[in-house]
Amino acid sequence: MGIPQDDPATGEHSTRGRVARSILDHGPSTVAELADRLGLTAAAVRRHLDALVADAVVEPRDKRVYGSRGRGRPAKVFALTDCGRDAFDQSYDKLAADALRWIASAAGGGERGEAAVAAFARARAAAQTDPYRAPVGEADPEGRAAALADALSADGYAAAARSAPGGAGEQLCQHHCPVAHVAEQFPQLCEAETEAFSHLLGTHVQRLATIAHGDGVCTTFIPRTPQGAAPQTTPTTQSTAGRNPA
């Protein structure tokens, strides 16, 4: 089931597609957030969400809260399903997964196979992020996360940088991952991406959530560098999202 196409008579399908696209660009969203972004009434948003849920394009979830949570039930958000994500781009997931399985097998399987896939993942991440070095390196230290988010967005990752709770750093949020299905099977892709972010930013980073592991957004914590401190020359990475950090 795909994203509904425009209905020239009513515009209903066009608006429904805007709702789905807003969730892709901004991550799991409440009815109020969608209404505010799209200039619609809450009732109109609910009507379109009901149709998207019926079509298996979005699904309701409890809003994930980081840190302490206040009283009451968590807010309800709507997130894209795998079907909904697939509707936005042509996927070659099976071909990519088959190729990585062949690489692992050709290297001998087991630990050797995993190492071969990891080597491919690092080479891919390096090639993908090499064009990001100039804009990230030219940015002021406090603007590097935003520069990286802009570069990722230009490559289709719908990324944004924002202050982390408590003010200890920033969160890099990727609302779309073109290789999420393959990364679910081969976490080396995610680990290599996180390592590449660490080297680009000159500091260790910590993955908090990943689309490949079922979260609505890939979230990376970037600690704030103390004023006057030099970037790490050998940055490290850390993950609290299972083995898969991207």
Protein backbone atom coordinates (compact mmCIF):
# COMPACT_ATOMS: atom_id res chain seq x y z
CA MET A 1 0.00 0.00 0.00
CA GLY A 2 1.48 3.33 -1.04
CA ILE A 3 0.98 6.97 -0.21
CA PRO A 4 -2.35 8.09 -1.73
CA GLN A 5 -2.09 10.08 -4.95
CA ASP A 6 -3.77 13.44 -5.51
CA ASP A 7 -7.53 13.50 -5.89
CA PRO A 8 -8.12 16.61 -8.06
CA ALA A 9 -11.80 16.76 -7.09
CA THR A 10 -11.42 16.87 -3.31
CA GLY A 11 -7.72 17.25 -2.52
CA GLU A 12 -8.17 14.65 0.22
CA HIS A 13 -5.40 12.34 -0.95
CA SER A 14 -3.02 15.24 -1.47
CA THR A 15 -3.50 16.40 2.11
CA ARG A 16 -3.17 12.84 3.36
CA GLY A 17 0.17 12.61 1.59
CA ARG A 18 1.27 15.86 3.27
CA VAL A 19 0.44 14.35 6.65
CA ALA A 20 2.53 11.27 5.91
CA ARG A 21 5.38 13.40 4.53
CA SER A 22 5.37 15.58 7.64
CA ILE A 23 5.80 12.47 9.79
CA LEU A 24 8.68 11.35 7.57
CA ASP A 25 10.40 14.74 7.83
CA HIS A 26 9.83 15.33 11.55
CA GLY A 27 9.50 11.86 13.06
CA PRO A 28 6.65 10.47 15.18
CA SER A 29 4.19 13.31 15.76
CA THR A 30 1.12 14.10 17.82
CA VAL A 31 -2.13 15.30 16.30
CA ALA A 32 -1.47 18.79 17.69
CA GLU A 33 2.03 18.92 16.17
CA LEU A 34 0.76 17.85 12.75
CA ALA A 35 -2.09 20.33 12.87
CA ASP A 36 0.30 23.16 13.72
CA ARG A 37 2.83 22.26 11.01
CA LEU A 38 0.25 21.78 8.27
CA GLY A 39 -2.22 24.51 9.18
CA LEU A 40 -5.08 22.05 9.64
CA THR A 41 -7.61 21.51 12.38
CA ALA A 42 -7.05 18.64 14.80
CA ALA A 43 -10.25 17.02 13.54
CA ALA A 44 -8.98 17.09 9.94
CA VAL A 45 -5.64 15.62 10.97
CA ARG A 46 -7.37 12.80 12.87
CA ARG A 47 -9.51 12.00 9.83
CA HIS A 48 -6.45 11.67 7.60
CA LEU A 49 -4.55 9.70 10.25
CA ASP A 50 -7.46 7.25 10.56
CA ALA A 51 -7.25 6.63 6.81
CA LEU A 52 -3.46 6.26 6.89
CA VAL A 53 -3.70 3.81 9.81
CA ALA A 54 -6.33 1.81 7.89
CA ASP A 55 -3.93 1.67 4.93
CA ALA A 56 -1.05 0.54 7.20
CA VAL A 57 0.96 3.66 6.30
CA VAL A 58 1.17 4.98 9.89
CA GLU A 59 0.62 3.47 13.32
CA PRO A 60 -0.15 4.98 16.74
CA ARG A 61 2.43 4.68 19.52
CA ASP A 62 3.01 6.01 23.01
CA LYS A 63 5.39 8.96 22.83
CA ARG A 64 8.89 7.98 23.94
CA VAL A 65 10.14 10.12 26.83
CA TYR A 66 13.83 10.55 27.66
CA GLY A 67 14.60 11.29 31.29
CA SER A 68 11.97 11.69 34.00
CA ARG A 69 8.32 11.63 32.93
CA GLY A 70 5.56 13.67 34.46
CA ARG A 71 2.23 12.41 35.68
CA GLY A 72 -0.45 11.09 33.41
CA ARG A 73 -0.45 8.86 30.37
CA PRO A 74 2.20 9.47 27.70
CA ALA A 75 1.06 11.41 24.66
CA LYS A 76 0.03 9.42 21.59
CA VAL A 77 2.15 9.90 18.49
CA PHE A 78 1.82 8.58 14.95
CA ALA A 79 4.82 7.00 13.23
CA LEU A 80 5.39 5.64 9.74
CA THR A 81 5.24 1.88 9.36
CA ASP A 82 7.77 0.02 7.23
CA CYS A 83 5.16 0.06 4.48
CA GLY A 84 4.82 3.82 4.82
CA ARG A 85 8.58 4.38 4.60
CA ASP A 86 8.86 2.17 1.53
CA ALA A 87 6.28 4.32 -0.27
CA PHE A 88 8.68 7.27 -0.34
CA ASP A 89 11.54 5.65 -2.19
CA GLN A 90 12.23 2.67 -4.41
CA SER A 91 13.94 0.07 -2.25
CA TYR A 92 16.71 -2.28 -3.24
CA ASP A 93 16.92 -3.81 0.22
CA LYS A 94 16.89 -7.43 -0.92
CA LEU A 95 19.67 -6.87 -3.43
CA ALA A 96 21.82 -5.08 -0.83
CA ALA A 97 21.23 -7.77 1.80
CA ASP A 98 22.03 -10.53 -0.69
CA ALA A 99 25.27 -8.76 -1.64
CA LEU A 100 26.35 -8.42 1.99
CA ARG A 101 25.55 -12.07 2.68
CA TRP A 102 27.71 -13.01 -0.33
CA ILE A 103 30.57 -10.86 1.01
CA ALA A 104 30.32 -12.58 4.39
CA SER A 105 30.22 -16.04 2.79
CA ALA A 106 33.08 -15.33 0.37
CA ALA A 107 35.25 -14.23 3.29
CA GLY A 108 34.73 -17.56 5.00
CA GLY A 109 31.73 -16.86 7.21
CA GLY A 110 31.84 -16.55 11.00
CA GLU A 111 34.09 -13.86 12.42
CA ARG A 112 35.90 -13.45 9.10
CA GLY A 113 32.60 -12.86 7.36
CA GLU A 114 31.52 -10.28 9.93
CA ALA A 115 34.88 -8.53 9.61
CA ALA A 116 34.52 -8.38 5.82
CA VAL A 117 31.05 -6.82 6.10
CA ALA A 118 32.39 -4.35 8.66
CA ALA A 119 35.22 -3.37 6.29
CA PHE A 120 32.69 -2.76 3.52
CA ALA A 121 30.50 -0.74 5.90
CA ARG A 122 33.43 1.47 6.94
CA ALA A 123 34.42 2.06 3.30
CA ARG A 124 30.81 2.95 2.43
CA ALA A 125 30.45 5.31 5.39
CA ALA A 126 33.75 7.00 4.56
CA ALA A 127 32.74 7.54 0.94
CA GLN A 128 29.30 8.83 1.92
CA THR A 129 30.52 11.26 4.56
CA ASP A 130 33.66 12.51 2.80
CA PRO A 131 31.70 15.34 1.09
CA TYR A 132 30.47 16.39 4.55
CA ARG A 133 33.99 17.19 5.79
CA ALA A 134 34.19 20.65 4.26
CA PRO A 135 30.87 22.05 5.54
CA VAL A 136 31.28 20.46 8.98
CA GLY A 137 34.93 21.51 9.29
CA GLU A 138 34.18 25.09 8.26
CA ALA A 139 31.41 25.48 10.84
CA ASP A 140 32.03 26.86 14.33
CA PRO A 141 32.24 24.11 16.97
CA GLU A 142 28.72 24.88 18.20
CA GLY A 143 27.39 24.70 14.63
CA ARG A 144 28.95 21.43 13.50
CA ALA A 145 26.00 19.24 14.46
CA ALA A 146 23.66 21.50 12.47
CA ALA A 147 26.06 21.44 9.50
CA LEU A 148 26.12 17.64 9.61
CA ALA A 149 22.32 17.56 9.81
CA ASP A 150 22.07 19.79 6.73
CA ALA A 151 24.46 17.53 4.81
CA LEU A 152 22.52 14.42 5.78
CA SER A 153 19.22 16.05 4.82
CA ALA A 154 20.61 16.80 1.37
CA ASP A 155 21.20 13.05 1.03
CA GLY A 156 17.62 12.19 2.03
CA TYR A 157 18.00 11.47 5.75
CA ALA A 158 15.60 14.25 6.90
CA ALA A 159 18.00 15.16 9.72
CA ALA A 160 17.91 17.94 12.32
CA ALA A 161 20.05 18.99 15.29
CA ARG A 162 18.57 20.21 18.56
CA SER A 163 19.63 20.81 22.14
CA ALA A 164 19.67 17.68 24.27
CA PRO A 165 17.66 17.57 27.51
CA GLY A 166 19.69 19.07 30.35
CA GLY A 167 21.85 21.17 28.04
CA ALA A 168 24.79 18.72 28.11
CA GLY A 169 25.04 18.62 24.35
CA GLU A 170 23.00 18.17 21.19
CA GLN A 171 20.93 15.45 19.58
CA LEU A 172 21.31 14.63 15.91
CA CYS A 173 17.99 13.20 14.74
CA GLN A 174 17.65 11.31 11.46
CA HIS A 175 13.97 10.87 10.63
CA HIS A 176 14.61 8.67 7.61
CA CYS A 177 17.10 5.90 6.89
CA PRO A 178 17.18 4.51 3.33
CA VAL A 179 18.99 1.36 4.49
CA ALA A 180 17.05 0.66 7.70
CA HIS A 181 15.85 -2.79 6.60
CA VAL A 182 19.35 -3.90 5.61
CA ALA A 183 20.87 -2.38 8.77
CA GLU A 184 18.46 -4.46 10.83
CA GLN A 185 20.23 -7.55 9.46
CA PHE A 186 23.72 -6.05 9.25
CA PRO A 187 24.37 -3.68 12.19
CA GLN A 188 27.89 -3.09 10.87
CA LEU A 189 26.34 -0.46 8.57
CA CYS A 190 25.04 1.46 11.57
CA GLU A 191 28.22 1.09 13.59
CA ALA A 192 30.30 2.42 10.72
CA GLU A 193 28.00 5.42 10.28
CA THR A 194 28.25 6.29 13.97
CA GLU A 195 32.04 5.99 13.83
CA ALA A 196 32.08 8.30 10.79
CA PHE A 197 30.01 10.89 12.67
CA SER A 198 32.47 10.73 15.56
CA HIS A 199 35.43 11.42 13.29
CA LEU A 200 33.63 14.22 11.45
CA LEU A 201 32.69 15.99 14.68
CA GLY A 202 35.98 15.33 16.47
CA THR A 203 34.34 13.92 19.59
CA HIS A 204 32.77 10.73 20.87
CA VAL A 205 29.07 10.27 20.13
CA GLN A 206 26.39 8.05 21.64
CA ARG A 207 23.50 6.48 19.77
CA LEU A 208 20.30 6.53 21.81
CA ALA A 209 17.76 5.16 19.35
CA THR A 210 17.66 3.70 15.85
CA ILE A 211 15.07 3.18 13.12
CA ALA A 212 16.67 -0.19 12.35
CA HIS A 213 15.80 -1.32 15.89
CA GLY A 214 12.20 -0.14 15.67
CA ASP A 215 12.51 3.41 16.98
CA GLY A 216 10.85 6.24 15.10
CA VAL A 217 14.06 8.25 14.76
CA CYS A 218 17.80 7.57 14.74
CA THR A 219 19.01 9.73 17.64
CA THR A 220 22.69 10.46 18.30
CA PHE A 221 23.86 12.33 21.39
CA ILE A 222 26.75 14.72 20.78
CA PRO A 223 28.30 16.02 24.03
CA ARG A 224 29.10 19.68 24.25
CA THR A 225 32.83 20.38 23.98
CA PRO A 226 34.05 22.57 26.87
CA GLN A 227 35.05 26.03 25.69
CA GLY A 228 38.74 26.08 24.83
CA ALA A 229 39.06 22.28 24.72
CA ALA A 230 40.64 20.75 21.64
CA PRO A 231 38.71 18.09 19.69
CA GLN A 232 39.68 14.50 20.39
CA THR A 233 42.19 13.10 17.93
CA THR A 234 40.90 9.56 18.42
CA PRO A 235 37.17 9.95 19.04
CA THR A 236 35.19 7.03 20.33
CA THR A 237 31.59 5.96 19.95
CA GLN A 238 29.12 4.51 22.36
CA SER A 239 25.62 3.09 22.00
CA THR A 240 22.73 2.45 24.33
CA ALA A 241 20.53 1.14 21.53
CA GLY A 242 21.76 -2.45 21.46
CA ARG A 243 24.61 -3.47 19.24
CA ASN A 244 23.13 -1.47 16.39
CA PRO A 245 24.04 2.21 16.96
CA ALA A 246 22.48 3.76 13.88
